[in-house]
């Protein structure tokens, strides 16, 4: 029996955990718990941040939706009320609203655009304030205005424009009665005509406005409003003082003295370029006449046979002054320098006399008269180079007398030259603003 128990105990003996066993498993559990706690903390923090952001977003959204700026709202409502009172004809109430809005204006908000304010002052008859406003046109004030928050879009500009157009003649009469200073009075009338003008208002045309501006500037040459009138009111496009022209011409030329005796008359072909400044014109011409010898010509130890072809060249640079007789007829006397060159044609270069006669020429004085006839309808222009150009075609009849020095160099070639040409060409001036 003793042996059985012992066997049984040996057979069913339970092992007892050692201290080292407990240490390993305990550490593992603690690390697992710490890891789970870390994840929970991170998740909680992320959740709190998300909820906080959502809360802030909703708060900002509600703040934006419920935002009202007292200044902007006051200006918007005041302008609407002002429009209603102007339409109703309640000018006293309109003045009160206008003054209140201007008092509310600050460095941040713009109550009226300059055009609106000035038209409003015309409409309300507040001419002293209008004169002050017209003098506040310096660049610093304009740049400062651009930085301000602009008023919301409405019909104030159209309303005051319609009212001033409707009452323009009455306002002009009030200005004549109430504004003592003649210069200020005439300027305010001129400026009102400028501000109400437009294609849809035929009572004020660009031509009449320019004429009124010219009259004002002539009447008050030292006016303080000169810059404003020239920059804004008067809009005149005028031709530049400088211009250019060209011409293609032909005609007939005939010598005098020995030139007449030795050469037939010739037919020239040529081109000319004109440079214009005010009424002065510089003519640059290339004249080549085609003719023939009339008789044998003894020159440079050889004989230039008669009935052979001869060229007559007259390069020219002359200065003329234009005298307008009528709108389409101008005459221009001119004088200048040039040359007179006589030579055989290139086809005769193999002839024995060619080398001795191919460079017969001398300096020459040239004078004469142009008659230019403008082509096309009156005031009709044909731009040649650019659209901003005033240009026209012309027919030119030109007489010239060439006084040469050939006699001193070639005794057998003494004489001068007459020519008469007819040409067609064009003259152009760039168009620019007359300030």
Protein backbone atom coordinates (compact mmCIF):
# COMPACT_ATOMS: atom_id res chain seq x y z
CA UNK A 1 0.00 0.00 0.00
CA UNK A 2 2.83 2.31 0.75
CA UNK A 3 4.34 1.63 -2.54
CA UNK A 4 1.00 2.30 -4.30
CA UNK A 5 0.62 5.73 -2.78
CA UNK A 6 4.09 6.60 -3.58
CA UNK A 7 3.58 5.56 -7.13
CA UNK A 8 0.36 7.42 -7.31
CA UNK A 9 2.02 10.56 -6.03
CA UNK A 10 4.78 10.17 -8.49
CA UNK A 11 2.38 9.51 -11.29
CA UNK A 12 0.04 12.44 -10.57
CA UNK A 13 2.52 14.95 -9.20
CA UNK A 14 1.70 18.63 -10.08
CA UNK A 15 4.51 21.02 -10.88
CA UNK A 16 4.77 24.23 -8.83
CA UNK A 17 5.47 27.64 -10.73
CA UNK A 18 8.87 29.05 -10.14
CA UNK A 19 9.56 32.78 -9.36
CA UNK A 20 11.13 33.24 -12.82
CA UNK A 21 7.90 32.07 -14.48
CA UNK A 22 5.85 34.67 -12.66
CA UNK A 23 8.29 37.46 -13.66
CA UNK A 24 8.14 36.87 -17.45
CA UNK A 25 4.36 36.70 -17.77
CA UNK A 26 3.80 39.71 -15.55
CA UNK A 27 6.05 41.94 -17.63
CA UNK A 28 4.25 40.96 -20.84
CA UNK A 29 0.86 41.85 -19.39
CA UNK A 30 2.06 45.23 -18.16
CA UNK A 31 3.46 46.17 -21.59
CA UNK A 32 0.19 45.15 -23.24
CA UNK A 33 -1.78 47.30 -20.85
CA UNK A 34 0.50 50.31 -21.42
CA UNK A 35 0.17 49.91 -25.19
CA UNK A 36 -3.60 49.82 -24.97
CA UNK A 37 -3.65 52.88 -22.73
CA UNK A 38 -1.39 54.80 -25.18
CA UNK A 39 -3.68 54.03 -28.08
CA UNK A 40 -6.69 55.10 -26.07
CA UNK A 41 -5.06 58.38 -25.10
CA UNK A 42 -4.03 59.15 -28.71
CA UNK A 43 -7.51 58.31 -29.99
CA UNK A 44 -9.08 60.50 -27.33
CA UNK A 45 -6.81 63.41 -28.19
CA UNK A 46 -7.56 63.10 -31.90
CA UNK A 47 -11.26 62.92 -31.20
CA UNK A 48 -11.12 65.99 -28.98
CA UNK A 49 -9.15 67.94 -31.63
CA UNK A 50 -11.63 66.98 -34.33
CA UNK A 51 -14.60 67.99 -32.21
CA UNK A 52 -12.88 71.24 -31.30
CA UNK A 53 -12.12 72.05 -34.98
CA UNK A 54 -15.68 71.24 -35.98
CA UNK A 55 -16.92 73.45 -33.21
CA UNK A 56 -14.69 76.34 -34.26
CA UNK A 57 -15.72 75.90 -37.92
CA UNK A 58 -19.39 76.02 -37.04
CA UNK A 59 -18.79 79.04 -34.85
CA UNK A 60 -16.92 80.88 -37.63
CA UNK A 61 -19.62 79.94 -40.13
CA UNK A 62 -22.32 81.33 -37.89
CA UNK A 63 -20.23 84.42 -37.27
CA UNK A 64 -19.85 85.01 -41.02
CA UNK A 65 -23.54 84.42 -41.67
CA UNK A 66 -24.58 86.81 -38.92
CA UNK A 67 -21.93 89.47 -39.66
CA UNK A 68 -23.18 93.01 -40.25
CA UNK A 69 -20.90 96.03 -40.62
CA UNK A 70 -22.68 99.12 -39.33
CA UNK A 71 -20.77 101.51 -41.64
CA UNK A 72 -21.37 99.49 -44.80
CA UNK A 73 -25.03 98.98 -43.90
CA UNK A 74 -25.48 102.67 -43.10
CA UNK A 75 -23.97 103.74 -46.42
CA UNK A 76 -26.00 101.22 -48.41
CA UNK A 77 -29.31 102.13 -46.78
CA UNK A 78 -28.50 105.84 -46.87
CA UNK A 79 -27.81 105.75 -50.61
CA UNK A 80 -31.07 103.88 -51.23
CA UNK A 81 -32.99 106.41 -49.21
CA UNK A 82 -31.25 109.26 -51.02
CA UNK A 83 -32.31 107.84 -54.39
CA UNK A 84 -35.92 107.66 -53.25
CA UNK A 85 -35.93 111.25 -51.98
CA UNK A 86 -34.35 112.54 -55.20
CA UNK A 87 -36.96 110.78 -57.30
CA UNK A 88 -39.72 112.14 -55.03
CA UNK A 89 -38.30 115.66 -55.43
CA UNK A 90 -37.68 116.09 -51.70
CA UNK A 91 -34.38 117.96 -52.09
CA UNK A 92 -34.25 119.19 -48.49
CA UNK A 93 -34.37 115.64 -47.19
CA UNK A 94 -31.87 114.59 -49.85
CA UNK A 95 -29.44 117.27 -48.59
CA UNK A 96 -29.76 115.99 -45.03
CA UNK A 97 -29.07 112.41 -46.10
CA UNK A 98 -26.13 113.46 -48.22
CA UNK A 99 -24.56 115.43 -45.37
CA UNK A 100 -25.10 112.59 -42.91
CA UNK A 101 -23.47 110.10 -45.27
CA UNK A 102 -20.46 112.34 -45.80
CA UNK A 103 -20.05 112.77 -42.03
CA UNK A 104 -20.09 108.97 -41.69
CA UNK A 105 -17.33 108.58 -44.31
CA UNK A 106 -13.94 107.53 -42.93
CA UNK A 107 -10.56 106.24 -44.06
CA UNK A 108 -12.03 102.80 -44.71
CA UNK A 109 -15.27 103.41 -46.59
CA UNK A 110 -16.13 105.53 -49.63
CA UNK A 111 -19.60 107.04 -49.55
CA UNK A 112 -19.81 108.57 -53.04
CA UNK A 113 -17.77 108.25 -56.20
CA UNK A 114 -16.48 111.68 -57.36
CA UNK A 115 -18.84 111.70 -60.37
CA UNK A 116 -21.85 110.90 -58.16
CA UNK A 117 -20.98 113.51 -55.58
CA UNK A 118 -20.46 116.32 -58.09
CA UNK A 119 -23.62 115.52 -60.02
CA UNK A 120 -25.47 115.37 -56.71
CA UNK A 121 -24.18 118.83 -55.81
CA UNK A 122 -25.38 120.18 -59.17
CA UNK A 123 -28.76 118.59 -58.54
CA UNK A 124 -29.03 120.00 -55.00
CA UNK A 125 -27.76 123.46 -55.95
CA UNK A 126 -24.85 123.38 -53.50
CA UNK A 127 -22.40 125.28 -55.68
CA UNK A 128 -19.91 126.39 -53.02
CA UNK A 129 -19.30 122.79 -52.01
CA UNK A 130 -19.14 121.89 -55.71
CA UNK A 131 -16.37 124.43 -56.35
CA UNK A 132 -14.38 122.97 -53.47
CA UNK A 133 -14.91 119.44 -54.76
CA UNK A 134 -13.70 120.38 -58.24
CA UNK A 135 -10.40 121.53 -56.78
CA UNK A 136 -9.75 118.18 -55.04
CA UNK A 137 -8.33 116.41 -58.09
CA UNK A 138 -4.73 115.85 -57.03
CA UNK A 139 -3.20 112.40 -57.55
CA UNK A 140 -2.72 111.71 -53.84
CA UNK A 141 -6.44 112.17 -53.16
CA UNK A 142 -7.33 109.91 -56.08
CA UNK A 143 -4.92 107.16 -54.94
CA UNK A 144 -6.27 107.42 -51.40
CA UNK A 145 -9.81 107.02 -52.68
CA UNK A 146 -8.88 103.87 -54.63
CA UNK A 147 -7.89 102.12 -51.39
CA UNK A 148 -11.28 102.62 -49.76
CA UNK A 149 -14.10 100.07 -49.76
CA UNK A 150 -16.50 101.11 -52.51
CA UNK A 151 -20.26 101.47 -51.99
CA UNK A 152 -22.51 98.65 -53.11
CA UNK A 153 -23.89 98.90 -56.63
CA UNK A 154 -27.12 100.86 -56.98
CA UNK A 155 -28.81 103.39 -59.30
CA UNK A 156 -27.57 106.61 -57.69
CA UNK A 157 -25.34 107.56 -60.65
CA UNK A 158 -28.11 107.02 -63.19
CA UNK A 159 -30.61 108.86 -60.99
CA UNK A 160 -28.56 112.05 -60.58
CA UNK A 161 -27.54 111.97 -64.25
CA UNK A 162 -31.17 111.84 -65.37
CA UNK A 163 -32.16 114.65 -62.99
CA UNK A 164 -29.33 116.97 -64.02
CA UNK A 165 -29.99 116.36 -67.72
CA UNK A 166 -33.64 117.15 -67.19
CA UNK A 167 -32.90 120.37 -65.29
CA UNK A 168 -29.69 121.42 -67.07
CA UNK A 169 -30.94 124.77 -68.39
CA UNK A 170 -32.44 125.68 -65.01
CA UNK A 171 -29.21 124.75 -63.25
CA UNK A 172 -27.22 126.91 -65.68
CA UNK A 173 -29.49 129.87 -64.92
CA UNK A 174 -29.05 129.26 -61.16
CA UNK A 175 -25.28 129.18 -61.59
CA UNK A 176 -25.33 132.53 -63.42
CA UNK A 177 -27.33 134.05 -60.56
CA UNK A 178 -25.62 132.50 -57.53
CA UNK A 179 -21.93 132.17 -58.47
CA UNK A 180 -20.37 135.61 -58.38
CA UNK A 181 -16.91 134.81 -59.76
CA UNK A 182 -17.18 134.73 -63.57
CA UNK A 183 -14.37 132.20 -64.06
CA UNK A 184 -15.81 129.75 -61.52
CA UNK A 185 -19.31 130.24 -62.92
CA UNK A 186 -18.28 129.58 -66.53
CA UNK A 187 -16.23 126.58 -65.50
CA UNK A 188 -19.07 124.98 -63.54
CA UNK A 189 -21.38 125.41 -66.51
CA UNK A 190 -18.79 123.96 -68.88
CA UNK A 191 -18.08 121.05 -66.54
CA UNK A 192 -21.78 120.22 -66.16
CA UNK A 193 -22.16 120.05 -69.94
CA UNK A 194 -19.20 117.72 -70.05
CA UNK A 195 -20.58 115.46 -67.29
CA UNK A 196 -24.05 115.08 -68.79
CA UNK A 197 -22.83 114.56 -72.37
CA UNK A 198 -22.99 111.25 -74.19
CA UNK A 199 -24.25 109.52 -77.28
CA UNK A 200 -27.72 109.18 -75.77
CA UNK A 201 -27.86 112.93 -75.05
CA UNK A 202 -27.62 114.75 -78.40
CA UNK A 203 -28.06 118.20 -76.82
CA UNK A 204 -24.32 118.16 -76.03
CA UNK A 205 -22.05 117.11 -78.89
CA UNK A 206 -18.30 116.59 -78.86
CA UNK A 207 -17.87 119.45 -81.35
CA UNK A 208 -19.88 121.90 -79.25
CA UNK A 209 -18.08 120.83 -76.08
CA UNK A 210 -14.68 121.34 -77.69
CA UNK A 211 -15.78 124.76 -78.95
CA UNK A 212 -16.98 125.76 -75.47
CA UNK A 213 -13.70 124.54 -73.95
CA UNK A 214 -11.66 126.55 -76.47
CA UNK A 215 -13.73 129.64 -75.70
CA UNK A 216 -13.18 129.18 -71.96
CA UNK A 217 -9.41 128.74 -72.34
CA UNK A 218 -9.20 131.76 -74.62
CA UNK A 219 -11.22 133.86 -72.20
CA UNK A 220 -9.24 132.76 -69.14
CA UNK A 221 -5.71 131.95 -70.36
CA UNK A 222 -4.32 131.79 -66.79
CA UNK A 223 -7.19 129.79 -65.31
CA UNK A 224 -6.53 127.31 -62.51
CA UNK A 225 -8.85 124.92 -64.32
CA UNK A 226 -6.68 124.77 -67.45
CA UNK A 227 -5.26 121.31 -66.73
CA UNK A 228 -8.69 119.84 -65.98
CA UNK A 229 -10.29 121.36 -69.08
CA UNK A 230 -7.51 120.17 -71.38
CA UNK A 231 -7.25 116.71 -69.85
CA UNK A 232 -10.92 115.84 -69.41
CA UNK A 233 -13.34 118.23 -71.11
CA UNK A 234 -11.67 119.14 -74.39
CA UNK A 235 -10.91 116.10 -76.54
CA UNK A 236 -9.50 117.21 -79.85
CA UNK A 237 -7.43 115.09 -82.19
CA UNK A 238 -5.14 117.13 -84.41
CA UNK A 239 -2.51 116.27 -87.01
CA UNK A 240 1.08 116.19 -85.83
CA UNK A 241 3.31 119.08 -86.89
CA UNK A 242 5.49 116.51 -88.62
CA UNK A 243 4.38 114.65 -91.72
CA UNK A 244 5.65 112.75 -94.69
CA UNK A 245 4.78 112.43 -98.35
CA UNK A 246 5.70 110.74 -101.59
CA UNK A 247 5.15 111.37 -105.29
CA UNK A 248 5.61 109.63 -108.63
CA UNK A 249 5.91 112.06 -111.51
CA UNK A 250 6.62 112.59 -115.16
CA UNK A 251 6.56 115.61 -117.45
CA UNK A 252 8.86 117.48 -119.81
CA UNK A 253 12.27 119.17 -119.54
CA UNK A 254 14.03 121.58 -121.90
CA UNK A 255 17.42 123.29 -121.77
CA UNK A 256 18.49 126.84 -122.54
CA UNK A 257 21.58 128.16 -124.39
CA UNK A 258 23.85 125.40 -125.71
CA UNK A 259 21.83 122.80 -123.84
CA UNK A 260 18.86 123.81 -125.97
CA UNK A 261 21.01 123.73 -129.13
CA UNK A 262 22.62 120.38 -128.41
CA UNK A 263 19.82 118.35 -126.81
CA UNK A 264 16.20 117.64 -127.57
CA UNK A 265 13.67 118.07 -124.86
CA UNK A 266 13.36 115.03 -122.59
CA UNK A 267 10.63 113.15 -120.71
CA UNK A 268 11.48 112.52 -117.06
CA UNK A 269 10.42 109.72 -114.77
CA UNK A 270 11.00 110.21 -111.09
CA UNK A 271 10.08 109.73 -107.47
CA UNK A 272 10.03 112.24 -104.65
CA UNK A 273 9.85 112.06 -100.87
CA UNK A 274 8.55 114.92 -98.74
CA UNK A 275 9.33 115.69 -95.10
CA UNK A 276 6.87 118.18 -93.60
CA UNK A 277 7.00 120.35 -90.49
CA UNK A 278 4.12 122.76 -90.03
CA UNK A 279 3.98 124.68 -93.36
CA UNK A 280 7.54 123.84 -94.37
CA UNK A 281 8.38 120.96 -96.69
CA UNK A 282 11.71 119.41 -97.56
CA UNK A 283 11.55 117.90 -101.07
CA UNK A 284 13.96 115.08 -101.91
CA UNK A 285 13.64 114.27 -105.62
CA UNK A 286 15.24 111.89 -108.08
CA UNK A 287 14.63 113.12 -111.64
CA UNK A 288 15.81 111.06 -114.64
CA UNK A 289 15.01 112.46 -118.09
CA UNK A 290 15.15 110.35 -121.23
CA UNK A 291 16.05 112.25 -124.42
CA UNK A 292 18.64 112.46 -127.23
CA UNK A 293 21.35 114.68 -128.67
CA UNK A 294 20.26 117.24 -131.22
CA UNK A 295 23.65 117.70 -132.85
CA UNK A 296 27.23 116.51 -132.58
CA UNK A 297 28.74 117.69 -129.31
CA UNK A 298 32.48 118.23 -128.97
CA UNK A 299 33.44 117.61 -125.35
CA UNK A 300 36.50 116.26 -123.54
CA UNK A 301 38.42 115.73 -126.78
CA UNK A 302 35.78 113.54 -128.36
CA UNK A 303 32.47 113.89 -130.17
CA UNK A 304 29.15 112.85 -128.76
CA UNK A 305 27.20 112.04 -131.96
CA UNK A 306 23.82 113.59 -132.66
CA UNK A 307 20.64 111.52 -132.46
CA UNK A 308 22.04 109.28 -129.75
CA UNK A 309 20.20 108.65 -126.53
CA UNK A 310 21.01 110.92 -123.61
CA UNK A 311 19.98 110.90 -119.97
CA UNK A 312 19.41 114.04 -117.95
CA UNK A 313 19.56 113.53 -114.18
CA UNK A 314 18.57 116.19 -111.66
CA UNK A 315 18.98 115.13 -108.00
CA UNK A 316 17.36 117.74 -105.79
CA UNK A 317 16.96 118.77 -102.17
CA UNK A 318 14.79 121.87 -101.84
CA UNK A 319 12.78 123.62 -99.16
CA UNK A 320 9.29 124.97 -99.75
CA UNK A 321 6.66 126.90 -97.81
CA UNK A 322 3.00 125.93 -98.25
CA UNK A 323 0.40 128.66 -98.76
CA UNK A 324 -3.17 127.30 -98.57
CA UNK A 325 -5.37 129.12 -101.07
CA UNK A 326 -8.41 126.94 -100.48
CA UNK A 327 -9.10 123.77 -98.50
CA UNK A 328 -8.13 121.63 -101.51
CA UNK A 329 -5.64 123.93 -103.28
CA UNK A 330 -2.15 124.79 -101.98
CA UNK A 331 0.82 126.48 -103.59
CA UNK A 332 4.41 126.10 -102.41
CA UNK A 333 7.30 128.21 -103.68
CA UNK A 334 10.59 126.39 -103.15
CA UNK A 335 14.34 126.76 -103.56
CA UNK A 336 17.25 124.42 -102.99
CA UNK A 337 20.33 122.71 -104.29
CA UNK A 338 20.96 119.83 -106.61
CA UNK A 339 22.88 118.84 -109.67
CA UNK A 340 22.58 118.62 -113.45
CA UNK A 341 24.12 115.50 -114.98
CA UNK A 342 24.20 114.59 -118.70
CA UNK A 343 25.38 111.24 -120.01
CA UNK A 344 24.87 108.59 -122.68
CA UNK A 345 22.75 105.60 -121.74
CA UNK A 346 24.20 102.36 -120.49
CA UNK A 347 23.56 100.76 -123.88
CA UNK A 348 26.27 103.00 -125.37
CA UNK A 349 29.04 101.98 -122.98
CA UNK A 350 30.92 100.13 -125.75
CA UNK A 351 31.14 103.25 -127.91
CA UNK A 352 34.45 105.16 -128.03
CA UNK A 353 32.94 108.41 -126.73
CA UNK A 354 31.20 106.78 -123.77
CA UNK A 355 33.97 107.14 -121.19
CA UNK A 356 34.60 110.79 -122.08
CA UNK A 357 30.95 111.82 -121.89
CA UNK A 358 29.44 109.60 -119.19
CA UNK A 359 30.13 111.97 -116.25
CA UNK A 360 29.21 115.42 -117.49
CA UNK A 361 27.69 117.20 -114.51
CA UNK A 362 27.86 120.11 -112.11
CA UNK A 363 26.34 121.61 -108.97
CA UNK A 364 23.07 123.51 -109.53
CA UNK A 365 20.71 125.90 -107.80
CA UNK A 366 17.02 125.04 -108.17
CA UNK A 367 13.92 127.16 -107.61
CA UNK A 368 10.30 126.92 -108.61
CA UNK A 369 6.68 126.50 -107.59
CA UNK A 370 4.41 123.60 -106.59
CA UNK A 371 0.65 123.54 -107.03
CA UNK A 372 -0.97 120.74 -104.98
CA UNK A 373 -4.59 119.77 -105.53
CA UNK A 374 -6.09 117.55 -102.84
CA UNK A 375 -8.04 114.60 -104.21
CA UNK A 376 -11.14 113.04 -102.68
CA UNK A 377 -14.05 114.50 -100.77
CA UNK A 378 -13.67 117.31 -98.28
CA UNK A 379 -12.28 116.16 -94.89
CA UNK A 380 -11.98 112.61 -96.23
CA UNK A 381 -8.72 110.88 -95.32
CA UNK A 382 -6.96 107.72 -96.47
CA UNK A 383 -4.50 106.42 -93.85
CA UNK A 384 -1.33 105.07 -95.46
CA UNK A 385 0.59 103.55 -92.55
CA UNK A 386 -1.60 103.53 -89.43
CA UNK A 387 -5.24 104.11 -88.49
CA UNK A 388 -4.33 107.06 -86.24
CA UNK A 389 -3.29 109.10 -89.24
CA UNK A 390 -4.70 111.93 -91.32
CA UNK A 391 -3.67 111.46 -94.93
CA UNK A 392 -4.84 112.34 -98.42
CA UNK A 393 -3.90 111.89 -102.07
CA UNK A 394 -2.90 114.84 -104.18
CA UNK A 395 -2.18 115.86 -107.75
CA UNK A 396 0.98 117.97 -108.00
CA UNK A 397 2.01 120.31 -110.81
CA UNK A 398 5.60 121.46 -110.36
CA UNK A 399 7.72 123.93 -112.27
CA UNK A 400 11.45 124.10 -111.64
CA UNK A 401 14.34 126.15 -113.00
CA UNK A 402 17.80 124.53 -112.74
CA UNK A 403 20.77 126.94 -112.79
CA UNK A 404 23.84 124.84 -113.50
CA UNK A 405 27.59 125.46 -113.55
CA UNK A 406 28.21 123.37 -116.66
CA UNK A 407 29.52 126.34 -118.69
CA UNK A 408 32.57 126.71 -116.43
CA UNK A 409 33.43 123.06 -116.78
CA UNK A 410 32.30 122.28 -120.34
CA UNK A 411 32.05 125.41 -122.53
CA UNK A 412 29.98 123.62 -125.13
CA UNK A 413 27.35 122.75 -122.56
CA UNK A 414 26.48 126.20 -121.25
CA UNK A 415 22.87 126.77 -120.30
CA UNK A 416 20.25 126.01 -117.72
CA UNK A 417 17.17 123.77 -117.57
CA UNK A 418 13.42 124.19 -117.27
CA UNK A 419 11.18 121.34 -116.21
CA UNK A 420 7.45 120.92 -115.72
CA UNK A 421 6.18 117.76 -114.05
CA UNK A 422 2.82 116.32 -113.11
CA UNK A 423 2.75 113.79 -110.31
CA UNK A 424 0.43 111.91 -108.02
CA UNK A 425 1.22 111.17 -104.41
CA UNK A 426 0.11 111.31 -100.82
CA UNK A 427 0.75 113.22 -97.61
CA UNK A 428 0.19 111.85 -94.12
CA UNK A 429 0.29 113.23 -90.57
CA UNK A 430 -0.01 111.19 -87.40
CA UNK A 431 -3.04 112.14 -85.28
CA UNK A 432 -2.46 113.05 -81.64
CA UNK A 433 -4.41 114.45 -78.72
CA UNK A 434 -4.29 118.24 -78.51
CA UNK A 435 -3.65 119.11 -74.87
